[in-house]
N, C-alpha and C. Protein backbone atom coordinates (compact mmCIF):
# COMPACT_ATOMS: atom_id res chain seq x y z
N MET A 1 -9.49 44.57 -115.83
CA MET A 1 -9.10 44.08 -114.51
C MET A 1 -9.88 44.80 -113.40
N ARG A 2 -10.08 46.11 -113.58
CA ARG A 2 -10.83 46.87 -112.58
C ARG A 2 -12.25 46.33 -112.43
N ASP A 3 -12.94 46.16 -113.56
CA ASP A 3 -14.32 45.68 -113.53
C ASP A 3 -14.40 44.25 -112.99
N ALA A 4 -13.46 43.41 -113.41
CA ALA A 4 -13.46 42.01 -112.94
C ALA A 4 -13.21 41.96 -111.43
N THR A 5 -12.36 42.85 -110.93
CA THR A 5 -12.08 42.90 -109.49
C THR A 5 -13.32 43.32 -108.71
N ILE A 6 -14.03 44.32 -109.21
CA ILE A 6 -15.26 44.78 -108.55
C ILE A 6 -16.31 43.66 -108.54
N ALA A 7 -16.50 43.00 -109.68
CA ALA A 7 -17.50 41.94 -109.77
C ALA A 7 -17.15 40.76 -108.88
N PHE A 8 -15.85 40.40 -108.83
CA PHE A 8 -15.44 39.29 -107.97
C PHE A 8 -15.61 39.66 -106.50
N ALA A 9 -15.35 40.92 -106.19
CA ALA A 9 -15.58 41.41 -104.83
C ALA A 9 -17.07 41.30 -104.48
N GLY A 10 -17.94 41.52 -105.46
CA GLY A 10 -19.37 41.35 -105.25
C GLY A 10 -19.73 39.91 -104.91
N MET A 11 -19.07 38.97 -105.58
CA MET A 11 -19.27 37.55 -105.29
C MET A 11 -18.79 37.22 -103.88
N LEU A 12 -17.62 37.75 -103.52
CA LEU A 12 -17.07 37.49 -102.19
C LEU A 12 -17.91 38.13 -101.10
N GLN A 13 -18.46 39.30 -101.38
CA GLN A 13 -19.27 39.99 -100.38
C GLN A 13 -20.53 39.18 -100.06
N ALA A 14 -21.24 38.75 -101.10
CA ALA A 14 -22.43 37.93 -100.88
C ALA A 14 -22.07 36.66 -100.13
N SER A 15 -20.93 36.08 -100.48
CA SER A 15 -20.46 34.84 -99.86
C SER A 15 -20.10 35.05 -98.39
N GLU A 16 -19.46 36.17 -98.08
CA GLU A 16 -19.11 36.49 -96.70
C GLU A 16 -20.37 36.73 -95.86
N LEU A 17 -21.36 37.38 -96.45
CA LEU A 17 -22.63 37.61 -95.74
C LEU A 17 -23.32 36.28 -95.45
N VAL A 18 -23.26 35.36 -96.39
CA VAL A 18 -23.82 34.01 -96.18
C VAL A 18 -23.09 33.33 -95.02
N ARG A 19 -21.76 33.44 -95.02
CA ARG A 19 -20.97 32.83 -93.93
C ARG A 19 -21.37 33.43 -92.58
N GLN A 20 -21.54 34.75 -92.54
CA GLN A 20 -21.90 35.42 -91.29
C GLN A 20 -23.25 34.93 -90.75
N ILE A 21 -24.24 34.86 -91.63
CA ILE A 21 -25.57 34.41 -91.19
C ILE A 21 -25.53 32.95 -90.73
N ALA A 22 -24.84 32.10 -91.50
CA ALA A 22 -24.80 30.67 -91.20
C ALA A 22 -24.05 30.36 -89.91
N THR A 23 -23.12 31.23 -89.54
CA THR A 23 -22.29 30.95 -88.35
C THR A 23 -22.68 31.78 -87.13
N SER A 24 -23.29 32.96 -87.35
CA SER A 24 -23.63 33.82 -86.21
C SER A 24 -25.10 34.25 -86.17
N GLY A 25 -25.82 34.01 -87.27
CA GLY A 25 -27.23 34.40 -87.31
C GLY A 25 -27.47 35.83 -87.72
N ASN A 26 -26.39 36.62 -87.86
CA ASN A 26 -26.50 38.03 -88.24
C ASN A 26 -25.49 38.35 -89.33
N CYS A 27 -25.68 39.51 -89.97
CA CYS A 27 -24.70 39.96 -90.96
C CYS A 27 -24.76 41.48 -91.05
N SER A 28 -23.80 42.05 -91.76
CA SER A 28 -23.76 43.50 -91.96
C SER A 28 -24.95 43.96 -92.79
N GLY A 29 -25.83 44.77 -92.21
CA GLY A 29 -27.04 45.21 -92.89
C GLY A 29 -26.76 46.06 -94.11
N GLN A 30 -25.78 46.95 -94.02
CA GLN A 30 -25.46 47.86 -95.13
C GLN A 30 -24.95 47.08 -96.34
N ALA A 31 -24.04 46.13 -96.09
CA ALA A 31 -23.49 45.32 -97.18
C ALA A 31 -24.58 44.43 -97.78
N ALA A 32 -25.45 43.88 -96.93
CA ALA A 32 -26.53 43.02 -97.41
C ALA A 32 -27.50 43.80 -98.29
N GLN A 33 -27.79 45.04 -97.90
CA GLN A 33 -28.70 45.88 -98.70
C GLN A 33 -28.11 46.12 -100.09
N ALA A 34 -26.80 46.41 -100.15
CA ALA A 34 -26.14 46.66 -101.44
C ALA A 34 -26.11 45.40 -102.30
N SER A 35 -25.87 44.25 -101.66
CA SER A 35 -25.82 42.99 -102.41
C SER A 35 -27.19 42.62 -102.96
N ILE A 36 -28.23 42.74 -102.12
CA ILE A 36 -29.58 42.43 -102.58
C ILE A 36 -30.01 43.41 -103.68
N ALA A 37 -29.66 44.69 -103.51
CA ALA A 37 -30.00 45.70 -104.52
C ALA A 37 -29.40 45.36 -105.88
N SER A 38 -28.23 44.73 -105.88
CA SER A 38 -27.55 44.39 -107.14
C SER A 38 -28.38 43.45 -108.01
N VAL A 39 -29.21 42.64 -107.37
CA VAL A 39 -30.07 41.70 -108.10
C VAL A 39 -31.03 42.45 -109.01
N PHE A 40 -31.45 43.64 -108.57
CA PHE A 40 -32.44 44.42 -109.33
C PHE A 40 -31.78 45.45 -110.25
N SER A 41 -30.45 45.46 -110.29
CA SER A 41 -29.74 46.39 -111.17
C SER A 41 -29.53 45.70 -112.52
N ARG A 42 -30.48 45.88 -113.40
CA ARG A 42 -30.49 45.11 -114.65
C ARG A 42 -29.83 45.85 -115.82
N ASP A 43 -29.74 47.18 -115.72
CA ASP A 43 -29.20 47.95 -116.85
C ASP A 43 -28.25 49.04 -116.33
N PRO A 44 -27.16 48.63 -115.66
CA PRO A 44 -26.25 49.62 -115.05
C PRO A 44 -25.38 50.32 -116.08
N GLU A 45 -24.95 51.53 -115.74
CA GLU A 45 -24.06 52.28 -116.63
C GLU A 45 -22.61 51.84 -116.47
N SER A 46 -22.27 51.33 -115.29
CA SER A 46 -20.90 50.85 -115.06
C SER A 46 -20.95 49.68 -114.08
N THR A 47 -19.83 49.01 -113.92
CA THR A 47 -19.79 47.84 -113.03
C THR A 47 -20.10 48.22 -111.59
N GLU A 48 -19.50 49.33 -111.11
CA GLU A 48 -19.75 49.71 -109.71
C GLU A 48 -21.19 50.19 -109.49
N ASP A 49 -21.87 50.64 -110.56
CA ASP A 49 -23.26 51.06 -110.43
C ASP A 49 -24.17 49.91 -110.01
N VAL A 50 -23.76 48.68 -110.31
CA VAL A 50 -24.53 47.50 -109.91
C VAL A 50 -24.69 47.48 -108.39
N TYR A 51 -23.69 48.01 -107.69
CA TYR A 51 -23.69 47.99 -106.21
C TYR A 51 -23.97 49.37 -105.62
N GLY A 52 -24.42 50.30 -106.46
CA GLY A 52 -24.69 51.65 -105.98
C GLY A 52 -23.43 52.44 -105.71
N GLY A 53 -22.34 52.09 -106.38
CA GLY A 53 -21.04 52.74 -106.18
C GLY A 53 -20.07 51.81 -105.46
N LEU A 54 -18.82 52.21 -105.38
CA LEU A 54 -17.79 51.37 -104.76
C LEU A 54 -18.07 51.08 -103.29
N GLY A 55 -18.74 52.03 -102.62
CA GLY A 55 -19.07 51.82 -101.20
C GLY A 55 -19.94 50.60 -100.99
N GLY A 56 -20.74 50.25 -101.99
CA GLY A 56 -21.64 49.12 -101.89
C GLY A 56 -20.96 47.77 -101.95
N VAL A 57 -19.68 47.77 -102.35
CA VAL A 57 -18.94 46.51 -102.45
C VAL A 57 -17.67 46.55 -101.60
N ARG A 58 -17.64 47.47 -100.65
CA ARG A 58 -16.46 47.67 -99.81
C ARG A 58 -16.08 46.43 -99.01
N MET A 59 -17.08 45.77 -98.43
CA MET A 59 -16.80 44.55 -97.68
C MET A 59 -16.14 43.50 -98.57
N GLY A 60 -16.66 43.33 -99.77
CA GLY A 60 -16.10 42.36 -100.71
C GLY A 60 -14.67 42.67 -101.08
N LEU A 61 -14.37 43.95 -101.26
CA LEU A 61 -12.99 44.36 -101.60
C LEU A 61 -12.05 44.07 -100.44
N ARG A 62 -12.54 44.26 -99.20
CA ARG A 62 -11.71 43.96 -98.03
C ARG A 62 -11.45 42.45 -97.91
N VAL A 63 -12.49 41.66 -98.16
CA VAL A 63 -12.34 40.19 -98.12
C VAL A 63 -11.33 39.75 -99.18
N LEU A 64 -11.42 40.37 -100.37
CA LEU A 64 -10.49 40.03 -101.46
C LEU A 64 -9.05 40.34 -101.07
N THR A 65 -8.82 41.50 -100.47
CA THR A 65 -7.43 41.86 -100.10
C THR A 65 -6.90 40.91 -99.02
N GLU A 66 -7.74 40.51 -98.09
CA GLU A 66 -7.30 39.57 -97.06
C GLU A 66 -6.95 38.22 -97.68
N LEU A 67 -7.79 37.75 -98.57
CA LEU A 67 -7.55 36.46 -99.22
C LEU A 67 -6.27 36.47 -100.05
N PHE A 68 -6.12 37.49 -100.86
CA PHE A 68 -5.00 37.53 -101.81
C PHE A 68 -3.71 38.06 -101.18
N SER A 69 -3.78 38.53 -99.92
CA SER A 69 -2.57 38.93 -99.21
C SER A 69 -2.00 37.75 -98.42
N ALA A 70 -2.64 36.60 -98.55
CA ALA A 70 -2.23 35.36 -97.86
C ALA A 70 -2.44 35.44 -96.36
N ARG A 71 -3.26 36.44 -95.91
CA ARG A 71 -3.61 36.50 -94.48
C ARG A 71 -4.90 35.71 -94.30
N THR A 72 -4.81 34.40 -94.49
CA THR A 72 -6.02 33.60 -94.50
C THR A 72 -6.02 32.55 -93.41
N ASP A 73 -7.22 32.25 -92.95
CA ASP A 73 -7.42 31.11 -92.06
C ASP A 73 -8.61 30.34 -92.63
N HIS A 74 -9.01 29.27 -91.97
CA HIS A 74 -10.09 28.43 -92.48
C HIS A 74 -11.37 29.25 -92.68
N GLU A 75 -11.67 30.14 -91.74
CA GLU A 75 -12.89 30.93 -91.79
C GLU A 75 -12.92 31.85 -93.00
N SER A 76 -11.77 32.48 -93.31
CA SER A 76 -11.75 33.42 -94.42
C SER A 76 -11.70 32.72 -95.78
N LEU A 77 -11.38 31.43 -95.79
CA LEU A 77 -11.41 30.69 -97.05
C LEU A 77 -12.83 30.32 -97.45
N GLN A 78 -13.73 30.29 -96.49
CA GLN A 78 -15.11 29.89 -96.78
C GLN A 78 -15.78 30.78 -97.83
N PRO A 79 -15.67 32.12 -97.72
CA PRO A 79 -16.26 32.97 -98.77
C PRO A 79 -15.69 32.67 -100.16
N LEU A 80 -14.38 32.36 -100.22
CA LEU A 80 -13.78 32.04 -101.52
C LEU A 80 -14.38 30.75 -102.07
N ASN A 81 -14.56 29.76 -101.22
CA ASN A 81 -15.16 28.49 -101.67
C ASN A 81 -16.58 28.71 -102.18
N TYR A 82 -17.34 29.53 -101.47
CA TYR A 82 -18.71 29.84 -101.93
C TYR A 82 -18.66 30.59 -103.26
N ALA A 83 -17.74 31.55 -103.37
CA ALA A 83 -17.63 32.34 -104.61
C ALA A 83 -17.29 31.45 -105.80
N LEU A 84 -16.39 30.49 -105.60
CA LEU A 84 -16.03 29.57 -106.69
C LEU A 84 -17.22 28.70 -107.07
N GLY A 85 -18.03 28.33 -106.06
CA GLY A 85 -19.26 27.58 -106.33
C GLY A 85 -20.25 28.42 -107.12
N LEU A 86 -20.36 29.69 -106.77
CA LEU A 86 -21.25 30.60 -107.50
C LEU A 86 -20.79 30.77 -108.95
N ALA A 87 -19.47 30.82 -109.15
CA ALA A 87 -18.93 30.93 -110.50
C ALA A 87 -19.33 29.71 -111.33
N LYS A 88 -19.29 28.54 -110.70
CA LYS A 88 -19.68 27.29 -111.38
C LYS A 88 -21.17 27.31 -111.74
N LEU A 89 -22.00 27.76 -110.80
CA LEU A 89 -23.43 27.87 -111.06
C LEU A 89 -23.71 28.88 -112.17
N GLY A 90 -23.00 30.00 -112.12
CA GLY A 90 -23.17 31.04 -113.15
C GLY A 90 -22.83 30.52 -114.53
N ARG A 91 -21.78 29.71 -114.61
CA ARG A 91 -21.37 29.11 -115.88
C ARG A 91 -22.47 28.20 -116.42
N ALA A 92 -23.05 27.40 -115.52
CA ALA A 92 -24.12 26.48 -115.93
C ALA A 92 -25.35 27.23 -116.43
N ILE A 93 -25.73 28.29 -115.71
CA ILE A 93 -26.92 29.05 -116.10
C ILE A 93 -26.68 29.85 -117.37
N SER A 94 -25.43 30.28 -117.59
CA SER A 94 -25.12 31.05 -118.81
C SER A 94 -25.33 30.21 -120.07
N ARG A 95 -25.33 28.89 -119.91
CA ARG A 95 -25.55 27.99 -121.06
C ARG A 95 -27.02 27.60 -121.20
N ASP A 96 -27.85 28.07 -120.28
CA ASP A 96 -29.26 27.67 -120.24
C ASP A 96 -30.15 28.89 -120.42
N ARG A 97 -30.41 29.24 -121.68
CA ARG A 97 -31.17 30.44 -122.02
C ARG A 97 -32.58 30.43 -121.41
N LYS A 98 -33.20 29.27 -121.41
CA LYS A 98 -34.56 29.14 -120.88
C LYS A 98 -34.60 29.47 -119.39
N ARG A 99 -33.61 28.96 -118.66
CA ARG A 99 -33.55 29.21 -117.21
C ARG A 99 -33.26 30.69 -116.95
N GLN A 100 -32.39 31.29 -117.76
CA GLN A 100 -32.08 32.71 -117.61
C GLN A 100 -33.34 33.56 -117.76
N GLN A 101 -34.13 33.24 -118.77
CA GLN A 101 -35.35 34.00 -119.03
C GLN A 101 -36.36 33.83 -117.89
N ALA A 102 -36.43 32.61 -117.36
CA ALA A 102 -37.35 32.35 -116.24
C ALA A 102 -36.94 33.15 -115.00
N ILE A 103 -35.63 33.20 -114.74
CA ILE A 103 -35.12 33.98 -113.59
C ILE A 103 -35.45 35.46 -113.79
N GLY A 104 -35.23 35.96 -115.01
CA GLY A 104 -35.51 37.36 -115.32
C GLY A 104 -36.97 37.72 -115.10
N LYS A 105 -37.88 36.85 -115.54
CA LYS A 105 -39.31 37.10 -115.39
C LYS A 105 -39.71 37.11 -113.91
N GLU A 106 -39.16 36.16 -113.14
CA GLU A 106 -39.49 36.09 -111.72
C GLU A 106 -38.93 37.30 -110.96
N LEU A 107 -37.74 37.76 -111.36
CA LEU A 107 -37.16 38.95 -110.72
C LEU A 107 -38.00 40.19 -110.99
N ASP A 108 -38.57 40.27 -112.19
CA ASP A 108 -39.43 41.40 -112.53
C ASP A 108 -40.61 41.48 -111.55
N LEU A 109 -41.13 40.32 -111.14
CA LEU A 109 -42.26 40.28 -110.21
C LEU A 109 -41.85 40.73 -108.81
N VAL A 110 -40.63 40.34 -108.40
CA VAL A 110 -40.15 40.69 -107.05
C VAL A 110 -39.75 42.16 -106.97
N ALA A 111 -39.38 42.74 -108.11
CA ALA A 111 -38.93 44.14 -108.14
C ALA A 111 -39.98 45.08 -107.54
N LYS A 112 -41.27 44.76 -107.73
CA LYS A 112 -42.36 45.58 -107.17
C LYS A 112 -42.30 45.55 -105.63
N ALA A 113 -42.12 44.35 -105.05
CA ALA A 113 -42.03 44.23 -103.59
C ALA A 113 -40.81 44.98 -103.06
N TRP A 114 -39.72 44.94 -103.82
CA TRP A 114 -38.48 45.64 -103.45
C TRP A 114 -38.72 47.15 -103.40
N GLN A 115 -39.41 47.66 -104.42
CA GLN A 115 -39.71 49.10 -104.46
C GLN A 115 -40.68 49.48 -103.35
N ASP A 116 -41.68 48.63 -103.11
CA ASP A 116 -42.67 48.90 -102.05
C ASP A 116 -42.02 48.92 -100.67
N ALA A 117 -40.94 48.13 -100.52
CA ALA A 117 -40.23 48.07 -99.23
C ALA A 117 -39.26 49.23 -99.08
N GLY A 118 -39.28 50.16 -100.04
CA GLY A 118 -38.37 51.30 -99.99
C GLY A 118 -36.94 50.90 -100.26
N GLU A 119 -36.78 49.81 -101.05
CA GLU A 119 -35.46 49.27 -101.40
C GLU A 119 -34.64 48.95 -100.15
N THR A 120 -35.33 48.44 -99.15
CA THR A 120 -34.65 47.93 -97.96
C THR A 120 -34.93 46.43 -97.87
N VAL A 121 -34.02 45.71 -97.24
CA VAL A 121 -34.15 44.26 -97.16
C VAL A 121 -35.21 43.91 -96.11
N ASP A 122 -36.30 43.29 -96.57
CA ASP A 122 -37.29 42.81 -95.60
C ASP A 122 -37.64 41.35 -95.91
N ASP A 123 -38.38 40.72 -95.01
CA ASP A 123 -38.67 39.29 -95.13
C ASP A 123 -39.43 38.95 -96.40
N SER A 124 -40.29 39.85 -96.85
CA SER A 124 -41.07 39.60 -98.07
C SER A 124 -40.15 39.47 -99.28
N VAL A 125 -39.20 40.39 -99.39
CA VAL A 125 -38.26 40.37 -100.52
C VAL A 125 -37.35 39.15 -100.46
N THR A 126 -36.74 38.92 -99.29
CA THR A 126 -35.80 37.79 -99.19
C THR A 126 -36.52 36.46 -99.42
N SER A 127 -37.77 36.35 -98.97
CA SER A 127 -38.53 35.13 -99.16
C SER A 127 -38.78 34.86 -100.65
N GLN A 128 -39.13 35.91 -101.38
CA GLN A 128 -39.40 35.75 -102.82
C GLN A 128 -38.11 35.46 -103.60
N LEU A 129 -37.01 36.12 -103.22
CA LEU A 129 -35.73 35.84 -103.88
C LEU A 129 -35.27 34.42 -103.57
N ALA A 130 -35.51 33.99 -102.33
CA ALA A 130 -35.16 32.62 -101.94
C ALA A 130 -35.92 31.60 -102.77
N ASP A 131 -37.19 31.89 -103.06
CA ASP A 131 -38.00 30.98 -103.89
C ASP A 131 -37.41 30.86 -105.29
N ILE A 132 -36.96 31.99 -105.84
CA ILE A 132 -36.34 31.96 -107.18
C ILE A 132 -35.11 31.08 -107.14
N TYR A 133 -34.28 31.28 -106.11
CA TYR A 133 -33.06 30.48 -106.00
C TYR A 133 -33.40 28.99 -105.89
N GLN A 134 -34.39 28.68 -105.08
CA GLN A 134 -34.75 27.29 -104.85
C GLN A 134 -35.28 26.63 -106.12
N HIS A 135 -36.13 27.35 -106.87
CA HIS A 135 -36.76 26.77 -108.07
C HIS A 135 -35.82 26.74 -109.27
N GLN A 136 -35.00 27.78 -109.41
CA GLN A 136 -34.22 27.92 -110.64
C GLN A 136 -32.74 27.54 -110.50
N VAL A 137 -32.21 27.58 -109.29
CA VAL A 137 -30.78 27.31 -109.10
C VAL A 137 -30.54 25.98 -108.37
N SER A 138 -31.32 25.75 -107.32
CA SER A 138 -31.13 24.52 -106.55
C SER A 138 -31.49 23.26 -107.34
N THR A 139 -32.16 23.45 -108.47
CA THR A 139 -32.55 22.31 -109.31
C THR A 139 -31.47 21.92 -110.32
N LEU A 140 -30.35 22.65 -110.34
CA LEU A 140 -29.22 22.30 -111.21
C LEU A 140 -28.50 21.07 -110.66
N ASP A 141 -27.74 20.41 -111.51
CA ASP A 141 -26.99 19.22 -111.07
C ASP A 141 -26.03 19.55 -109.94
N PHE A 142 -25.32 20.70 -110.08
CA PHE A 142 -24.39 21.12 -109.03
C PHE A 142 -25.15 21.98 -108.03
N ARG A 143 -25.02 21.66 -106.75
CA ARG A 143 -25.67 22.45 -105.70
C ARG A 143 -24.62 22.95 -104.72
N LEU A 144 -24.76 24.21 -104.35
CA LEU A 144 -23.81 24.82 -103.43
C LEU A 144 -24.23 24.48 -101.99
N SER A 145 -23.30 23.93 -101.25
CA SER A 145 -23.59 23.53 -99.87
C SER A 145 -23.07 24.59 -98.89
N VAL A 146 -23.94 25.06 -98.00
CA VAL A 146 -23.57 26.07 -97.00
C VAL A 146 -23.40 25.38 -95.66
N SER A 147 -22.27 25.65 -95.00
CA SER A 147 -22.04 25.07 -93.68
C SER A 147 -22.15 26.16 -92.61
N GLY A 148 -22.61 25.77 -91.44
CA GLY A 148 -22.77 26.73 -90.35
C GLY A 148 -23.35 26.04 -89.14
N LYS A 149 -23.93 26.83 -88.25
CA LYS A 149 -24.50 26.27 -87.02
C LYS A 149 -25.95 25.85 -87.26
N PRO A 150 -26.30 24.62 -86.87
CA PRO A 150 -27.66 24.12 -87.11
C PRO A 150 -28.76 25.02 -86.57
N GLU A 151 -28.50 25.69 -85.42
CA GLU A 151 -29.55 26.53 -84.85
C GLU A 151 -29.95 27.69 -85.77
N TYR A 152 -29.04 28.10 -86.65
CA TYR A 152 -29.36 29.16 -87.61
C TYR A 152 -29.87 28.58 -88.93
N LEU A 153 -29.27 27.47 -89.36
CA LEU A 153 -29.64 26.88 -90.64
C LEU A 153 -30.97 26.13 -90.57
N LYS A 154 -31.56 26.05 -89.38
CA LYS A 154 -32.88 25.43 -89.24
C LYS A 154 -33.98 26.50 -89.18
N GLN A 155 -33.58 27.76 -89.08
CA GLN A 155 -34.57 28.85 -89.03
C GLN A 155 -34.94 29.27 -90.45
N GLN A 156 -36.24 29.20 -90.73
CA GLN A 156 -36.72 29.45 -92.09
C GLN A 156 -36.29 30.81 -92.64
N GLU A 157 -36.41 31.87 -91.80
CA GLU A 157 -36.07 33.21 -92.31
C GLU A 157 -34.57 33.36 -92.56
N LYS A 158 -33.74 32.65 -91.79
CA LYS A 158 -32.28 32.70 -92.01
C LYS A 158 -31.92 31.98 -93.31
N VAL A 159 -32.56 30.83 -93.52
CA VAL A 159 -32.32 30.06 -94.75
C VAL A 159 -32.75 30.87 -95.97
N ALA A 160 -33.89 31.57 -95.85
CA ALA A 160 -34.37 32.40 -96.96
C ALA A 160 -33.38 33.53 -97.25
N PHE A 161 -32.84 34.13 -96.18
CA PHE A 161 -31.86 35.21 -96.35
C PHE A 161 -30.59 34.68 -97.04
N VAL A 162 -30.15 33.50 -96.63
CA VAL A 162 -28.97 32.88 -97.24
C VAL A 162 -29.21 32.66 -98.73
N ARG A 163 -30.36 32.12 -99.08
CA ARG A 163 -30.65 31.85 -100.50
C ARG A 163 -30.74 33.15 -101.30
N ALA A 164 -31.34 34.18 -100.69
CA ALA A 164 -31.44 35.49 -101.36
C ALA A 164 -30.05 36.06 -101.63
N LEU A 165 -29.15 35.91 -100.66
CA LEU A 165 -27.77 36.40 -100.83
C LEU A 165 -27.00 35.57 -101.85
N LEU A 166 -27.28 34.28 -101.91
CA LEU A 166 -26.64 33.44 -102.93
C LEU A 166 -27.10 33.87 -104.33
N LEU A 167 -28.37 34.27 -104.43
CA LEU A 167 -28.87 34.79 -105.72
C LEU A 167 -28.15 36.09 -106.07
N ALA A 168 -27.90 36.92 -105.05
CA ALA A 168 -27.13 38.16 -105.28
C ALA A 168 -25.70 37.82 -105.71
N GLY A 169 -25.12 36.79 -105.10
CA GLY A 169 -23.79 36.35 -105.49
C GLY A 169 -23.77 35.85 -106.92
N LEU A 170 -24.85 35.22 -107.32
CA LEU A 170 -24.96 34.72 -108.70
C LEU A 170 -25.05 35.87 -109.69
N ARG A 171 -25.72 36.95 -109.27
CA ARG A 171 -25.78 38.18 -110.11
C ARG A 171 -24.36 38.69 -110.36
N SER A 172 -23.55 38.69 -109.30
CA SER A 172 -22.16 39.13 -109.44
C SER A 172 -21.35 38.15 -110.29
N ALA A 173 -21.66 36.86 -110.18
CA ALA A 173 -20.95 35.85 -110.98
C ALA A 173 -21.22 36.06 -112.47
N PHE A 174 -22.46 36.42 -112.82
CA PHE A 174 -22.80 36.73 -114.21
C PHE A 174 -22.04 37.96 -114.68
N LEU A 175 -22.05 38.97 -113.82
CA LEU A 175 -21.34 40.22 -114.13
C LEU A 175 -19.85 39.95 -114.33
N TRP A 176 -19.29 39.13 -113.46
CA TRP A 176 -17.86 38.78 -113.53
C TRP A 176 -17.52 38.17 -114.88
N ARG A 177 -18.36 37.24 -115.35
CA ARG A 177 -18.12 36.62 -116.66
C ARG A 177 -18.27 37.65 -117.79
N GLN A 178 -19.24 38.55 -117.65
CA GLN A 178 -19.49 39.56 -118.69
C GLN A 178 -18.29 40.48 -118.88
N VAL A 179 -17.57 40.76 -117.78
CA VAL A 179 -16.43 41.69 -117.87
C VAL A 179 -15.09 40.95 -118.01
N GLY A 180 -15.17 39.67 -118.36
CA GLY A 180 -13.95 38.92 -118.67
C GLY A 180 -13.35 38.13 -117.53
N GLY A 181 -14.07 38.02 -116.41
CA GLY A 181 -13.57 37.24 -115.28
C GLY A 181 -13.55 35.76 -115.58
N ARG A 182 -12.44 35.12 -115.30
CA ARG A 182 -12.29 33.68 -115.49
C ARG A 182 -11.50 33.10 -114.32
N GLN A 183 -11.75 31.82 -114.03
CA GLN A 183 -11.14 31.22 -112.85
C GLN A 183 -9.61 31.20 -112.92
N TRP A 184 -9.05 30.99 -114.11
CA TRP A 184 -7.59 30.92 -114.23
C TRP A 184 -6.94 32.26 -113.86
N ARG A 185 -7.69 33.35 -114.05
CA ARG A 185 -7.15 34.67 -113.70
C ARG A 185 -6.95 34.81 -112.19
N LEU A 186 -7.78 34.10 -111.42
CA LEU A 186 -7.65 34.16 -109.96
C LEU A 186 -6.33 33.55 -109.49
N VAL A 187 -5.79 32.65 -110.31
CA VAL A 187 -4.51 32.02 -109.98
C VAL A 187 -3.35 32.84 -110.51
N PHE A 188 -3.43 33.20 -111.79
CA PHE A 188 -2.28 33.84 -112.45
C PHE A 188 -2.25 35.36 -112.35
N GLN A 189 -3.39 35.97 -112.00
CA GLN A 189 -3.42 37.44 -111.94
C GLN A 189 -3.87 37.94 -110.56
N ARG A 190 -3.66 37.12 -109.54
CA ARG A 190 -4.13 37.51 -108.21
C ARG A 190 -3.38 38.73 -107.68
N ARG A 191 -2.09 38.87 -108.01
CA ARG A 191 -1.33 40.05 -107.59
C ARG A 191 -1.94 41.32 -108.18
N LYS A 192 -2.30 41.27 -109.47
CA LYS A 192 -2.90 42.43 -110.12
C LYS A 192 -4.27 42.74 -109.51
N MET A 193 -5.04 41.68 -109.20
CA MET A 193 -6.35 41.89 -108.59
C MET A 193 -6.21 42.47 -107.19
N LEU A 194 -5.21 42.01 -106.46
CA LEU A 194 -4.95 42.53 -105.11
C LEU A 194 -4.62 44.02 -105.18
N GLU A 195 -3.74 44.39 -106.10
CA GLU A 195 -3.36 45.80 -106.25
C GLU A 195 -4.55 46.66 -106.65
N GLN A 196 -5.39 46.10 -107.52
CA GLN A 196 -6.59 46.81 -107.97
C GLN A 196 -7.56 47.01 -106.81
N ALA A 197 -7.76 45.96 -106.01
CA ALA A 197 -8.67 46.06 -104.85
C ALA A 197 -8.16 47.07 -103.84
N GLN A 198 -6.86 47.06 -103.59
CA GLN A 198 -6.27 48.02 -102.65
C GLN A 198 -6.46 49.45 -103.14
N ALA A 199 -6.30 49.63 -104.45
CA ALA A 199 -6.48 50.98 -105.03
C ALA A 199 -7.95 51.41 -104.93
N LEU A 200 -8.87 50.47 -105.16
CA LEU A 200 -10.29 50.79 -105.09
C LEU A 200 -10.74 51.14 -103.68
N LEU A 201 -10.12 50.50 -102.69
CA LEU A 201 -10.46 50.77 -101.29
C LEU A 201 -10.01 52.16 -100.84
N THR A 202 -9.01 52.69 -101.51
CA THR A 202 -8.52 54.03 -101.14
C THR A 202 -9.06 55.10 -102.10
N ALA A 203 -9.85 54.68 -103.07
CA ALA A 203 -10.38 55.64 -104.07
C ALA A 203 -11.40 56.58 -103.43
């Protein structure tokens, strides 16, 4: 439950960052750096190591507690809808070994740019991650639709950032499945997940 809560928080964090960019043109830089970094964490020792520790997924844990405490409005439901979409995409890709291998090979190429950028989010990295998402994920039958303000969703660099964050969310969706996360648990075990998230936030 602990690992599944952390991974689901990772999905929510990427989704919340997407919502922020699509609606305001900006997002939390620290959380975005941790989410993008998770894409390059291929052999972690623990679930939280994917995000560089619990601090790297703090925003996601806060979003989770708000959602599962029933303190929700239309705006806060959007990250959940994106996260459920990412879970669906993750399920589809988990059945497609060829696509998984292609994503892995392309990520290996981007890892060099990430290291050269000092592991900070820059336009070169987000652009390359966006290309992977466009070629390998947007070509699936199910496509995740992002809503927001046209003035931001028409800007190429904002769209690239959104796609890069969706790829980060997909990384968390894979992790979530690996540690036993399933959609039915979000319905029947939400109280346990809420308690776990609250405990992790005070850890």
